[in-house]
Amino acid sequence: MTAKDELHSLIDELPQRELATARRFLKYLRDCESYDDPLTPEEVAASNAAWHAYLEGTDPGETLKKVRQEL
């Protein structure tokens, strides 16, 4: 079964009250921009640095919190 076949089956199984929501969501997915471009080396490095900071418990958002408190 292809992904489209599975989606068609899922839609067929949805309760009537959920069809409008499903339609809006599918239209949203159809219309949203695609972000399939590969990351640049700089983006990969920044992402890795942020992830490691998170794992180490250093919250990069902490600085923003301090600025907000000062304001």
N, C-alpha and C. Protein backbone atom coordinates (compact mmCIF):
# COMPACT_ATOMS: atom_id res chain seq x y z
N MET A 1 0.85 -1.17 0.00
CA MET A 1 0.00 0.00 0.00
C MET A 1 0.90 1.24 0.00
N THR A 2 0.65 2.15 -0.92
CA THR A 2 1.43 3.38 -0.97
C THR A 2 0.97 4.34 0.12
N ALA A 3 1.76 5.38 0.33
CA ALA A 3 1.40 6.39 1.33
C ALA A 3 0.08 7.06 0.95
N LYS A 4 -0.11 7.33 -0.34
CA LYS A 4 -1.37 7.96 -0.76
C LYS A 4 -2.55 7.02 -0.54
N ASP A 5 -2.36 5.74 -0.82
CA ASP A 5 -3.44 4.77 -0.57
C ASP A 5 -3.80 4.74 0.90
N GLU A 6 -2.78 4.77 1.75
CA GLU A 6 -3.03 4.76 3.19
C GLU A 6 -3.76 6.02 3.63
N LEU A 7 -3.37 7.17 3.08
CA LEU A 7 -4.07 8.42 3.41
C LEU A 7 -5.52 8.37 2.97
N HIS A 8 -5.77 7.85 1.78
CA HIS A 8 -7.16 7.73 1.31
C HIS A 8 -7.97 6.84 2.26
N SER A 9 -7.37 5.74 2.70
CA SER A 9 -8.07 4.85 3.64
C SER A 9 -8.35 5.55 4.95
N LEU A 10 -7.36 6.29 5.45
CA LEU A 10 -7.57 7.02 6.71
C LEU A 10 -8.68 8.04 6.57
N ILE A 11 -8.71 8.74 5.45
CA ILE A 11 -9.77 9.73 5.24
C ILE A 11 -11.13 9.04 5.19
N ASP A 12 -11.20 7.90 4.53
CA ASP A 12 -12.46 7.16 4.47
C ASP A 12 -12.93 6.72 5.84
N GLU A 13 -11.99 6.51 6.77
CA GLU A 13 -12.34 6.04 8.11
C GLU A 13 -12.65 7.17 9.09
N LEU A 14 -12.38 8.41 8.70
CA LEU A 14 -12.62 9.53 9.61
C LEU A 14 -14.10 9.74 9.86
N PRO A 15 -14.44 10.12 11.08
CA PRO A 15 -15.82 10.50 11.36
C PRO A 15 -16.17 11.78 10.58
N GLN A 16 -17.39 11.91 10.21
CA GLN A 16 -17.86 13.06 9.42
C GLN A 16 -17.46 14.39 10.07
N ARG A 17 -17.53 14.44 11.39
CA ARG A 17 -17.25 15.70 12.10
C ARG A 17 -15.79 16.14 11.97
N GLU A 18 -14.88 15.23 11.58
CA GLU A 18 -13.46 15.55 11.47
C GLU A 18 -13.02 15.89 10.05
N LEU A 19 -13.91 15.76 9.08
CA LEU A 19 -13.51 15.97 7.68
C LEU A 19 -13.09 17.40 7.39
N ALA A 20 -13.78 18.37 7.95
CA ALA A 20 -13.42 19.78 7.71
C ALA A 20 -12.02 20.07 8.27
N THR A 21 -11.73 19.53 9.45
CA THR A 21 -10.41 19.72 10.04
C THR A 21 -9.34 19.07 9.18
N ALA A 22 -9.59 17.85 8.72
CA ALA A 22 -8.64 17.15 7.87
C ALA A 22 -8.41 17.92 6.58
N ARG A 23 -9.47 18.46 6.00
CA ARG A 23 -9.33 19.24 4.77
C ARG A 23 -8.45 20.46 4.99
N ARG A 24 -8.70 21.20 6.08
CA ARG A 24 -7.89 22.39 6.37
C ARG A 24 -6.42 22.02 6.57
N PHE A 25 -6.19 20.92 7.28
CA PHE A 25 -4.82 20.52 7.55
C PHE A 25 -4.11 20.08 6.27
N LEU A 26 -4.78 19.33 5.43
CA LEU A 26 -4.16 18.89 4.18
C LEU A 26 -3.88 20.08 3.26
N LYS A 27 -4.78 21.06 3.24
CA LYS A 27 -4.53 22.27 2.44
C LYS A 27 -3.34 23.03 3.00
N TYR A 28 -3.24 23.07 4.32
CA TYR A 28 -2.09 23.73 4.95
C TYR A 28 -0.80 23.05 4.52
N LEU A 29 -0.77 21.72 4.60
CA LEU A 29 0.43 20.98 4.21
C LEU A 29 0.77 21.21 2.74
N ARG A 30 -0.24 21.26 1.91
CA ARG A 30 -0.03 21.48 0.48
C ARG A 30 0.58 22.86 0.23
N ASP A 31 0.13 23.85 0.98
CA ASP A 31 0.51 25.23 0.70
C ASP A 31 1.74 25.71 1.45
N CYS A 32 2.18 24.98 2.47
CA CYS A 32 3.32 25.47 3.24
C CYS A 32 4.61 25.29 2.45
N GLU A 33 5.56 26.14 2.79
CA GLU A 33 6.85 26.11 2.08
C GLU A 33 7.60 24.84 2.43
N SER A 34 8.37 24.38 1.49
CA SER A 34 9.19 23.20 1.71
C SER A 34 10.57 23.63 2.20
N TYR A 35 11.05 22.94 3.21
CA TYR A 35 12.37 23.23 3.75
C TYR A 35 13.28 22.02 3.55
N ASP A 36 13.28 21.52 2.33
CA ASP A 36 14.07 20.34 2.02
C ASP A 36 15.50 20.68 1.62
N ASP A 37 15.84 21.96 1.58
CA ASP A 37 17.20 22.33 1.21
C ASP A 37 18.16 21.80 2.26
N PRO A 38 19.30 21.27 1.83
CA PRO A 38 20.26 20.78 2.82
C PRO A 38 20.81 21.93 3.67
N LEU A 39 21.14 21.61 4.90
CA LEU A 39 21.71 22.61 5.79
C LEU A 39 23.13 22.95 5.36
N THR A 40 23.49 24.20 5.58
CA THR A 40 24.86 24.61 5.31
C THR A 40 25.74 24.10 6.44
N PRO A 41 27.05 24.01 6.23
CA PRO A 41 27.93 23.60 7.33
C PRO A 41 27.81 24.49 8.56
N GLU A 42 27.57 25.79 8.33
CA GLU A 42 27.41 26.71 9.47
C GLU A 42 26.13 26.40 10.25
N GLU A 43 25.05 26.06 9.53
CA GLU A 43 23.79 25.72 10.20
C GLU A 43 23.93 24.43 10.99
N VAL A 44 24.63 23.46 10.42
CA VAL A 44 24.86 22.20 11.12
C VAL A 44 25.67 22.45 12.39
N ALA A 45 26.72 23.26 12.29
CA ALA A 45 27.55 23.57 13.46
C ALA A 45 26.74 24.28 14.54
N ALA A 46 25.93 25.25 14.14
CA ALA A 46 25.11 25.98 15.11
C ALA A 46 24.09 25.06 15.77
N SER A 47 23.49 24.19 15.00
CA SER A 47 22.52 23.23 15.54
C SER A 47 23.18 22.28 16.52
N ASN A 48 24.34 21.76 16.14
CA ASN A 48 25.07 20.86 17.04
C ASN A 48 25.48 21.56 18.33
N ALA A 49 25.93 22.80 18.22
CA ALA A 49 26.33 23.55 19.41
C ALA A 49 25.14 23.77 20.34
N ALA A 50 24.00 24.12 19.77
CA ALA A 50 22.79 24.33 20.58
C ALA A 50 22.35 23.04 21.25
N TRP A 51 22.41 21.93 20.51
CA TRP A 51 22.01 20.65 21.07
C TRP A 51 22.94 20.25 22.23
N HIS A 52 24.23 20.41 22.04
CA HIS A 52 25.18 20.08 23.11
C HIS A 52 24.98 20.98 24.32
N ALA A 53 24.70 22.25 24.10
CA ALA A 53 24.43 23.15 25.22
C ALA A 53 23.19 22.70 25.98
N TYR A 54 22.19 22.27 25.24
CA TYR A 54 20.97 21.77 25.88
C TYR A 54 21.28 20.53 26.72
N LEU A 55 22.03 19.58 26.13
CA LEU A 55 22.36 18.35 26.85
C LEU A 55 23.20 18.61 28.09
N GLU A 56 24.04 19.64 28.03
CA GLU A 56 24.90 19.98 29.18
C GLU A 56 24.15 20.80 30.22
N GLY A 57 22.93 21.22 29.90
CA GLY A 57 22.13 21.96 30.86
C GLY A 57 22.34 23.46 30.82
N THR A 58 23.11 23.93 29.85
CA THR A 58 23.27 25.37 29.71
C THR A 58 22.23 25.86 28.72
N ASP A 59 21.32 26.64 29.19
CA ASP A 59 20.19 27.10 28.39
C ASP A 59 20.56 28.37 27.65
N PRO A 60 20.69 28.31 26.30
CA PRO A 60 21.03 29.54 25.58
C PRO A 60 19.95 30.61 25.72
N GLY A 61 18.74 30.21 26.09
CA GLY A 61 17.68 31.19 26.29
C GLY A 61 17.80 31.92 27.61
N GLU A 62 18.72 31.48 28.45
CA GLU A 62 18.90 32.10 29.75
C GLU A 62 19.28 33.57 29.61
N THR A 63 20.09 33.89 28.63
CA THR A 63 20.49 35.28 28.42
C THR A 63 19.27 36.13 28.09
N LEU A 64 18.39 35.61 27.25
CA LEU A 64 17.17 36.34 26.90
C LEU A 64 16.32 36.56 28.15
N LYS A 65 16.25 35.56 29.00
CA LYS A 65 15.48 35.70 30.24
C LYS A 65 16.06 36.83 31.09
N LYS A 66 17.39 36.90 31.17
CA LYS A 66 18.01 37.96 31.97
C LYS A 66 17.72 39.34 31.38
N VAL A 67 17.77 39.45 30.06
CA VAL A 67 17.48 40.73 29.40
C VAL A 67 16.06 41.15 29.67
N ARG A 68 15.14 40.19 29.59
CA ARG A 68 13.73 40.53 29.87
C ARG A 68 13.54 40.99 31.30
N GLN A 69 14.25 40.35 32.24
CA GLN A 69 14.13 40.74 33.63
C GLN A 69 14.66 42.15 33.85
N GLU A 70 15.76 42.47 33.15
CA GLU A 70 16.35 43.78 33.30
C GLU A 70 15.46 44.87 32.72
N LEU A 71 14.73 44.52 31.66
CA LEU A 71 13.83 45.50 31.05
C LEU A 71 12.60 45.67 31.91
